[in-house]
Amino acid sequence: MTQTLEISDDLMDRLESHCEEGETPEEFIEELVSMYETEGAFLQEGYSE
């Protein structure tokens, strides 16, 4: 089942600024979700437990 998520133009601009060349915002979000599911949290640079 496909869900539609509406986001603001500002957020779309921010997402697009993080995409690699040729990567869509949808692909970027899928990668973020996959990382979160695997790691349990997003890693932050310079952060250690």
N, C-alpha and C. Protein backbone atom coordinates (compact mmCIF):
# COMPACT_ATOMS: atom_id res chain seq x y z
N MET A 1 0.84 -1.17 0.00
CA MET A 1 0.00 0.00 0.00
C MET A 1 0.89 1.24 0.00
N THR A 2 0.63 2.15 -0.88
CA THR A 2 1.39 3.38 -0.99
C THR A 2 0.71 4.50 -0.22
N GLN A 3 1.49 5.23 0.55
CA GLN A 3 0.99 6.38 1.30
C GLN A 3 1.53 7.65 0.64
N THR A 4 0.79 8.72 0.73
CA THR A 4 1.24 10.00 0.22
C THR A 4 1.50 10.91 1.41
N LEU A 5 2.64 11.55 1.38
CA LEU A 5 3.03 12.46 2.44
C LEU A 5 3.26 13.83 1.83
N GLU A 6 2.57 14.82 2.34
CA GLU A 6 2.74 16.18 1.85
C GLU A 6 3.74 16.90 2.75
N ILE A 7 4.73 17.55 2.12
CA ILE A 7 5.73 18.30 2.87
C ILE A 7 5.84 19.70 2.29
N SER A 8 6.34 20.60 3.08
CA SER A 8 6.45 21.99 2.64
C SER A 8 7.56 22.13 1.58
N ASP A 9 7.49 23.21 0.84
CA ASP A 9 8.52 23.49 -0.17
C ASP A 9 9.89 23.65 0.49
N ASP A 10 9.92 24.26 1.68
CA ASP A 10 11.19 24.45 2.39
C ASP A 10 11.82 23.10 2.75
N LEU A 11 11.01 22.18 3.24
CA LEU A 11 11.54 20.86 3.60
C LEU A 11 12.00 20.12 2.35
N MET A 12 11.27 20.23 1.25
CA MET A 12 11.69 19.59 0.01
C MET A 12 13.03 20.14 -0.45
N ASP A 13 13.21 21.44 -0.33
CA ASP A 13 14.50 22.05 -0.69
C ASP A 13 15.63 21.50 0.18
N ARG A 14 15.36 21.35 1.46
CA ARG A 14 16.37 20.81 2.37
C ARG A 14 16.69 19.37 2.01
N LEU A 15 15.67 18.56 1.73
CA LEU A 15 15.90 17.17 1.34
C LEU A 15 16.74 17.10 0.06
N GLU A 16 16.36 17.89 -0.92
CA GLU A 16 17.08 17.88 -2.20
C GLU A 16 18.54 18.30 -2.03
N SER A 17 18.81 19.18 -1.08
CA SER A 17 20.19 19.62 -0.87
C SER A 17 21.07 18.50 -0.30
N HIS A 18 20.45 17.48 0.29
CA HIS A 18 21.20 16.36 0.86
C HIS A 18 21.32 15.17 -0.10
N CYS A 19 20.56 15.19 -1.17
CA CYS A 19 20.58 14.09 -2.13
C CYS A 19 21.88 14.09 -2.92
N GLU A 20 22.36 12.89 -3.19
CA GLU A 20 23.51 12.75 -4.07
C GLU A 20 23.04 12.97 -5.50
N GLU A 21 23.98 13.20 -6.39
CA GLU A 21 23.63 13.44 -7.80
C GLU A 21 22.83 12.27 -8.36
N GLY A 22 21.67 12.57 -8.92
CA GLY A 22 20.82 11.55 -9.52
C GLY A 22 19.89 10.86 -8.53
N GLU A 23 20.01 11.18 -7.24
CA GLU A 23 19.18 10.56 -6.21
C GLU A 23 17.92 11.41 -6.00
N THR A 24 16.78 10.76 -5.90
CA THR A 24 15.52 11.47 -5.66
C THR A 24 15.31 11.64 -4.16
N PRO A 25 14.50 12.63 -3.77
CA PRO A 25 14.19 12.77 -2.34
C PRO A 25 13.56 11.50 -1.76
N GLU A 26 12.77 10.81 -2.55
CA GLU A 26 12.16 9.56 -2.09
C GLU A 26 13.22 8.51 -1.76
N GLU A 27 14.23 8.40 -2.63
CA GLU A 27 15.32 7.46 -2.38
C GLU A 27 16.12 7.85 -1.14
N PHE A 28 16.33 9.14 -0.96
CA PHE A 28 17.05 9.64 0.21
C PHE A 28 16.29 9.28 1.49
N ILE A 29 14.97 9.49 1.49
CA ILE A 29 14.16 9.17 2.66
C ILE A 29 14.18 7.66 2.93
N GLU A 30 14.10 6.85 1.88
CA GLU A 30 14.17 5.40 2.06
C GLU A 30 15.49 5.00 2.71
N GLU A 31 16.58 5.64 2.31
CA GLU A 31 17.89 5.35 2.89
C GLU A 31 17.92 5.75 4.37
N LEU A 32 17.36 6.92 4.70
CA LEU A 32 17.31 7.34 6.10
C LEU A 32 16.51 6.37 6.96
N VAL A 33 15.37 5.94 6.46
CA VAL A 33 14.52 5.00 7.22
C VAL A 33 15.25 3.68 7.41
N SER A 34 15.90 3.21 6.37
CA SER A 34 16.66 1.96 6.45
C SER A 34 17.76 2.06 7.50
N MET A 35 18.49 3.18 7.50
CA MET A 35 19.55 3.39 8.50
C MET A 35 18.95 3.39 9.90
N TYR A 36 17.84 4.06 10.07
CA TYR A 36 17.19 4.13 11.38
C TYR A 36 16.75 2.74 11.85
N GLU A 37 16.17 1.97 10.94
CA GLU A 37 15.71 0.63 11.31
C GLU A 37 16.88 -0.28 11.67
N THR A 38 18.00 -0.12 10.98
CA THR A 38 19.17 -0.96 11.23
C THR A 38 19.88 -0.57 12.52
N GLU A 39 20.08 0.72 12.71
CA GLU A 39 20.87 1.21 13.83
C GLU A 39 20.04 1.53 15.07
N GLY A 40 18.75 1.75 14.89
CA GLY A 40 17.91 2.13 16.01
C GLY A 40 17.90 3.61 16.30
N ALA A 41 18.78 4.32 15.66
CA ALA A 41 18.85 5.79 15.82
C ALA A 41 19.75 6.32 14.73
N PHE A 42 19.59 7.59 14.43
CA PHE A 42 20.47 8.21 13.46
C PHE A 42 21.80 8.52 14.15
N LEU A 43 22.88 8.25 13.47
CA LEU A 43 24.19 8.55 14.02
C LEU A 43 24.51 10.02 13.82
N GLN A 44 25.11 10.62 14.80
CA GLN A 44 25.53 12.01 14.69
C GLN A 44 27.04 12.05 14.72
N GLU A 45 27.61 12.82 13.83
CA GLU A 45 29.06 12.96 13.76
C GLU A 45 29.58 13.48 15.10
N GLY A 46 30.60 12.81 15.61
CA GLY A 46 31.20 13.24 16.87
C GLY A 46 30.50 12.71 18.10
N TYR A 47 29.45 11.93 17.92
CA TYR A 47 28.69 11.40 19.06
C TYR A 47 29.15 9.99 19.36
N SER A 48 29.40 9.70 20.61
CA SER A 48 29.72 8.32 20.99
C SER A 48 29.00 7.99 22.29
N GLU A 49 28.71 6.73 22.46
CA GLU A 49 27.98 6.30 23.67
C GLU A 49 28.95 5.99 24.77
